[in-house]
Amino acid sequence: MSPISATEFMNRLKNGEPVNLLDVREEIEYATYNIGGKNIPLSVLPHSINQLAYNKTDEIIVICKIGLRSETARLLLNQNGYQNARNLSGGLIAIQKLHQ
């Protein structure tokens, strides 16, 4: 599945579209700044993947700070049968840049 740009992601939020958001940053990062979604750090995701409350056909947008950990998580989700996982290109930094 192709990545989603910060612009497309924010437009979807502004339009009120429901999104399944998975933030794979560490808990302290999530507590410091987040835009919502479920927080499962990449370090524990391999052991928690069966606890995800998503259907394997749902679109899941995976986010982190700059998009590297979320891309790793997206690949992990794909390997476990999640067909529509998408990485937020540029991560939260790209979203913050839109607001400057």
N, C-alpha and C. Protein backbone atom coordinates (compact mmCIF):
# COMPACT_ATOMS: atom_id res chain seq x y z
N MET A 1 0.86 -1.18 0.00
CA MET A 1 0.00 0.00 0.00
C MET A 1 0.90 1.23 0.00
N SER A 2 0.53 2.21 -0.79
CA SER A 2 1.37 3.41 -0.89
C SER A 2 1.26 4.26 0.38
N PRO A 3 2.31 5.04 0.66
CA PRO A 3 2.25 5.91 1.84
C PRO A 3 1.19 6.99 1.66
N ILE A 4 0.80 7.60 2.76
CA ILE A 4 -0.14 8.71 2.73
C ILE A 4 0.64 9.98 3.07
N SER A 5 0.42 11.04 2.33
CA SER A 5 1.13 12.30 2.60
C SER A 5 0.47 13.01 3.77
N ALA A 6 1.23 13.89 4.40
CA ALA A 6 0.69 14.68 5.51
C ALA A 6 -0.50 15.51 5.04
N THR A 7 -0.43 16.06 3.83
CA THR A 7 -1.52 16.88 3.31
C THR A 7 -2.79 16.05 3.13
N GLU A 8 -2.66 14.88 2.50
CA GLU A 8 -3.84 14.02 2.31
C GLU A 8 -4.42 13.59 3.66
N PHE A 9 -3.54 13.23 4.58
CA PHE A 9 -3.99 12.80 5.90
C PHE A 9 -4.76 13.91 6.62
N MET A 10 -4.20 15.13 6.62
CA MET A 10 -4.86 16.24 7.31
C MET A 10 -6.18 16.60 6.63
N ASN A 11 -6.22 16.53 5.30
CA ASN A 11 -7.48 16.81 4.59
C ASN A 11 -8.55 15.80 4.99
N ARG A 12 -8.17 14.56 5.12
CA ARG A 12 -9.14 13.54 5.52
C ARG A 12 -9.65 13.80 6.94
N LEU A 13 -8.76 14.21 7.83
CA LEU A 13 -9.19 14.54 9.19
C LEU A 13 -10.14 15.74 9.19
N LYS A 14 -9.78 16.77 8.42
CA LYS A 14 -10.61 17.98 8.35
C LYS A 14 -11.99 17.67 7.79
N ASN A 15 -12.06 16.69 6.88
CA ASN A 15 -13.34 16.30 6.29
C ASN A 15 -14.14 15.37 7.19
N GLY A 16 -13.60 15.06 8.36
CA GLY A 16 -14.30 14.23 9.32
C GLY A 16 -14.28 12.74 9.01
N GLU A 17 -13.37 12.34 8.12
CA GLU A 17 -13.28 10.91 7.80
C GLU A 17 -12.71 10.16 8.99
N PRO A 18 -13.32 9.04 9.34
CA PRO A 18 -12.73 8.25 10.42
C PRO A 18 -11.45 7.57 9.92
N VAL A 19 -10.43 7.58 10.75
CA VAL A 19 -9.17 6.92 10.39
C VAL A 19 -8.73 6.02 11.54
N ASN A 20 -8.14 4.90 11.19
CA ASN A 20 -7.52 4.01 12.17
C ASN A 20 -6.06 4.40 12.26
N LEU A 21 -5.69 4.98 13.38
CA LEU A 21 -4.36 5.54 13.54
C LEU A 21 -3.58 4.71 14.56
N LEU A 22 -2.40 4.26 14.16
CA LEU A 22 -1.52 3.48 15.05
C LEU A 22 -0.20 4.24 15.19
N ASP A 23 0.05 4.75 16.39
CA ASP A 23 1.27 5.51 16.69
C ASP A 23 2.28 4.54 17.30
N VAL A 24 3.42 4.34 16.63
CA VAL A 24 4.39 3.34 17.09
C VAL A 24 5.59 3.96 17.82
N ARG A 25 5.44 5.21 18.25
CA ARG A 25 6.50 5.82 19.05
C ARG A 25 6.45 5.28 20.48
N GLU A 26 7.50 5.53 21.24
CA GLU A 26 7.53 5.11 22.63
C GLU A 26 6.49 5.91 23.44
N GLU A 27 6.07 5.34 24.57
CA GLU A 27 5.01 5.94 25.37
C GLU A 27 5.33 7.38 25.79
N ILE A 28 6.58 7.66 26.14
CA ILE A 28 6.94 9.02 26.57
C ILE A 28 6.79 10.01 25.42
N GLU A 29 7.13 9.59 24.21
CA GLU A 29 6.96 10.45 23.05
C GLU A 29 5.48 10.72 22.81
N TYR A 30 4.67 9.67 22.90
CA TYR A 30 3.24 9.79 22.70
C TYR A 30 2.63 10.72 23.74
N ALA A 31 3.07 10.58 25.00
CA ALA A 31 2.54 11.41 26.09
C ALA A 31 2.93 12.88 25.90
N THR A 32 4.09 13.12 25.30
CA THR A 32 4.57 14.49 25.10
C THR A 32 3.79 15.20 23.99
N TYR A 33 3.51 14.50 22.89
CA TYR A 33 2.78 15.08 21.77
C TYR A 33 2.15 13.95 20.96
N ASN A 34 0.86 14.06 20.71
CA ASN A 34 0.22 13.07 19.85
C ASN A 34 -0.99 13.68 19.17
N ILE A 35 -1.44 13.00 18.11
CA ILE A 35 -2.65 13.45 17.39
C ILE A 35 -3.74 12.40 17.53
N GLY A 36 -3.63 11.58 18.56
CA GLY A 36 -4.62 10.55 18.81
C GLY A 36 -4.18 9.21 18.28
N GLY A 37 -5.12 8.30 18.26
CA GLY A 37 -4.83 6.95 17.80
C GLY A 37 -4.34 6.05 18.91
N LYS A 38 -4.15 4.81 18.54
CA LYS A 38 -3.68 3.79 19.48
C LYS A 38 -2.15 3.85 19.53
N ASN A 39 -1.60 3.81 20.74
CA ASN A 39 -0.14 3.85 20.90
C ASN A 39 0.37 2.46 21.27
N ILE A 40 1.07 1.85 20.32
CA ILE A 40 1.78 0.59 20.58
C ILE A 40 3.19 0.79 20.05
N PRO A 41 4.16 1.00 20.95
CA PRO A 41 5.54 1.22 20.50
C PRO A 41 6.04 0.09 19.60
N LEU A 42 6.84 0.45 18.61
CA LEU A 42 7.38 -0.54 17.69
C LEU A 42 8.11 -1.65 18.43
N SER A 43 8.75 -1.31 19.56
CA SER A 43 9.51 -2.31 20.31
C SER A 43 8.63 -3.42 20.87
N VAL A 44 7.34 -3.17 21.08
CA VAL A 44 6.44 -4.20 21.60
C VAL A 44 5.42 -4.68 20.57
N LEU A 45 5.36 -4.03 19.42
CA LEU A 45 4.37 -4.40 18.40
C LEU A 45 4.45 -5.87 17.98
N PRO A 46 5.64 -6.44 17.75
CA PRO A 46 5.67 -7.85 17.33
C PRO A 46 4.98 -8.78 18.33
N HIS A 47 5.01 -8.43 19.61
CA HIS A 47 4.41 -9.26 20.65
C HIS A 47 2.95 -8.90 20.90
N SER A 48 2.49 -7.75 20.38
CA SER A 48 1.14 -7.26 20.63
C SER A 48 0.26 -7.26 19.39
N ILE A 49 0.79 -7.72 18.28
CA ILE A 49 0.08 -7.58 17.01
C ILE A 49 -1.26 -8.32 17.01
N ASN A 50 -1.37 -9.39 17.76
CA ASN A 50 -2.63 -10.12 17.82
C ASN A 50 -3.68 -9.42 18.69
N GLN A 51 -3.27 -8.37 19.41
CA GLN A 51 -4.19 -7.63 20.26
C GLN A 51 -4.77 -6.40 19.55
N LEU A 52 -4.38 -6.17 18.31
CA LEU A 52 -4.92 -5.03 17.57
C LEU A 52 -6.41 -5.22 17.36
N ALA A 53 -7.15 -4.15 17.53
CA ALA A 53 -8.61 -4.23 17.39
C ALA A 53 -9.06 -3.86 15.98
N TYR A 54 -8.21 -4.09 15.02
CA TYR A 54 -8.54 -3.77 13.63
C TYR A 54 -8.80 -5.05 12.85
N ASN A 55 -9.67 -4.95 11.84
CA ASN A 55 -9.83 -6.05 10.90
C ASN A 55 -8.63 -6.03 9.97
N LYS A 56 -8.28 -7.17 9.44
CA LYS A 56 -7.10 -7.24 8.56
C LYS A 56 -7.31 -6.56 7.22
N THR A 57 -8.56 -6.16 6.93
CA THR A 57 -8.84 -5.44 5.69
C THR A 57 -9.01 -3.94 5.93
N ASP A 58 -9.02 -3.49 7.18
CA ASP A 58 -9.16 -2.06 7.49
C ASP A 58 -7.92 -1.29 7.05
N GLU A 59 -8.14 -0.04 6.63
CA GLU A 59 -7.00 0.84 6.40
C GLU A 59 -6.47 1.26 7.77
N ILE A 60 -5.18 1.10 7.97
CA ILE A 60 -4.52 1.52 9.20
C ILE A 60 -3.40 2.47 8.81
N ILE A 61 -3.44 3.68 9.35
CA ILE A 61 -2.38 4.64 9.08
C ILE A 61 -1.40 4.58 10.24
N VAL A 62 -0.16 4.23 9.93
CA VAL A 62 0.86 4.04 10.95
C VAL A 62 1.74 5.28 10.98
N ILE A 63 1.95 5.82 12.20
CA ILE A 63 2.71 7.06 12.33
C ILE A 63 3.82 6.93 13.37
N CYS A 64 4.83 7.78 13.19
CA CYS A 64 5.90 7.96 14.17
C CYS A 64 6.42 9.39 13.98
N LYS A 65 7.60 9.66 14.44
CA LYS A 65 8.12 11.03 14.36
C LYS A 65 8.48 11.42 12.93
N ILE A 66 9.27 10.58 12.24
CA ILE A 66 9.70 10.97 10.88
C ILE A 66 9.34 9.96 9.80
N GLY A 67 8.73 8.83 10.19
CA GLY A 67 8.27 7.87 9.20
C GLY A 67 9.10 6.61 9.05
N LEU A 68 10.18 6.48 9.81
CA LEU A 68 11.01 5.27 9.68
C LEU A 68 10.46 4.11 10.50
N ARG A 69 10.18 4.35 11.78
CA ARG A 69 9.62 3.28 12.61
C ARG A 69 8.25 2.86 12.09
N SER A 70 7.48 3.84 11.61
CA SER A 70 6.14 3.49 11.11
C SER A 70 6.22 2.66 9.84
N GLU A 71 7.24 2.87 9.01
CA GLU A 71 7.41 2.02 7.82
C GLU A 71 7.77 0.60 8.23
N THR A 72 8.62 0.45 9.24
CA THR A 72 8.95 -0.88 9.76
C THR A 72 7.69 -1.55 10.30
N ALA A 73 6.87 -0.79 11.03
CA ALA A 73 5.63 -1.34 11.58
C ALA A 73 4.66 -1.71 10.46
N ARG A 74 4.60 -0.91 9.41
CA ARG A 74 3.72 -1.21 8.27
C ARG A 74 4.11 -2.55 7.64
N LEU A 75 5.41 -2.76 7.46
CA LEU A 75 5.89 -4.02 6.90
C LEU A 75 5.52 -5.19 7.82
N LEU A 76 5.65 -5.00 9.11
CA LEU A 76 5.30 -6.03 10.09
C LEU A 76 3.81 -6.36 10.02
N LEU A 77 3.00 -5.31 9.91
CA LEU A 77 1.55 -5.52 9.78
C LEU A 77 1.23 -6.31 8.52
N ASN A 78 1.87 -5.93 7.41
CA ASN A 78 1.66 -6.65 6.15
C ASN A 78 2.03 -8.12 6.28
N GLN A 79 3.15 -8.39 6.93
CA GLN A 79 3.61 -9.78 7.11
C GLN A 79 2.64 -10.59 7.95
N ASN A 80 1.83 -9.88 8.76
CA ASN A 80 0.86 -10.55 9.62
C ASN A 80 -0.57 -10.48 9.07
N GLY A 81 -0.67 -10.18 7.77
CA GLY A 81 -1.96 -10.27 7.10
C GLY A 81 -2.78 -9.00 7.03
N TYR A 82 -2.27 -7.89 7.56
CA TYR A 82 -2.99 -6.62 7.46
C TYR A 82 -2.73 -6.05 6.06
N GLN A 83 -3.79 -5.96 5.26
CA GLN A 83 -3.65 -5.69 3.84
C GLN A 83 -3.59 -4.20 3.48
N ASN A 84 -4.06 -3.32 4.37
CA ASN A 84 -4.18 -1.91 4.00
C ASN A 84 -3.47 -0.98 4.97
N ALA A 85 -2.32 -1.40 5.48
CA ALA A 85 -1.54 -0.53 6.35
C ALA A 85 -0.80 0.48 5.48
N ARG A 86 -0.84 1.75 5.91
CA ARG A 86 -0.17 2.82 5.17
C ARG A 86 0.71 3.62 6.12
N ASN A 87 1.87 4.00 5.63
CA ASN A 87 2.80 4.80 6.41
C ASN A 87 2.52 6.28 6.17
N LEU A 88 2.51 7.08 7.25
CA LEU A 88 2.40 8.53 7.10
C LEU A 88 3.77 9.05 6.68
N SER A 89 3.88 9.44 5.43
CA SER A 89 5.15 9.90 4.86
C SER A 89 5.65 11.15 5.60
N GLY A 90 6.86 11.06 6.13
CA GLY A 90 7.43 12.20 6.85
C GLY A 90 7.02 12.28 8.31
N GLY A 91 6.09 11.43 8.71
CA GLY A 91 5.67 11.36 10.11
C GLY A 91 5.07 12.64 10.67
N LEU A 92 5.10 12.74 11.98
CA LEU A 92 4.51 13.89 12.67
C LEU A 92 5.25 15.18 12.33
N ILE A 93 6.53 15.06 11.99
CA ILE A 93 7.29 16.26 11.60
C ILE A 93 6.64 16.89 10.36
N ALA A 94 6.22 16.06 9.40
CA ALA A 94 5.59 16.57 8.18
C ALA A 94 4.26 17.27 8.51
N ILE A 95 3.52 16.75 9.47
CA ILE A 95 2.27 17.40 9.89
C ILE A 95 2.56 18.74 10.55
N GLN A 96 3.57 18.75 11.43
CA GLN A 96 3.92 20.01 12.11
C GLN A 96 4.37 21.06 11.11
N LYS A 97 5.06 20.66 10.04
CA LYS A 97 5.50 21.61 9.03
C LYS A 97 4.34 22.25 8.30
N LEU A 98 3.22 21.51 8.16
CA LEU A 98 2.04 22.07 7.51
C LEU A 98 1.46 23.24 8.30
N HIS A 99 1.67 23.24 9.60
CA HIS A 99 1.09 24.26 10.47
C HIS A 99 2.00 25.45 10.70
N GLN A 100 3.15 25.47 10.03
CA GLN A 100 4.09 26.58 10.22
C GLN A 100 3.74 27.74 9.31
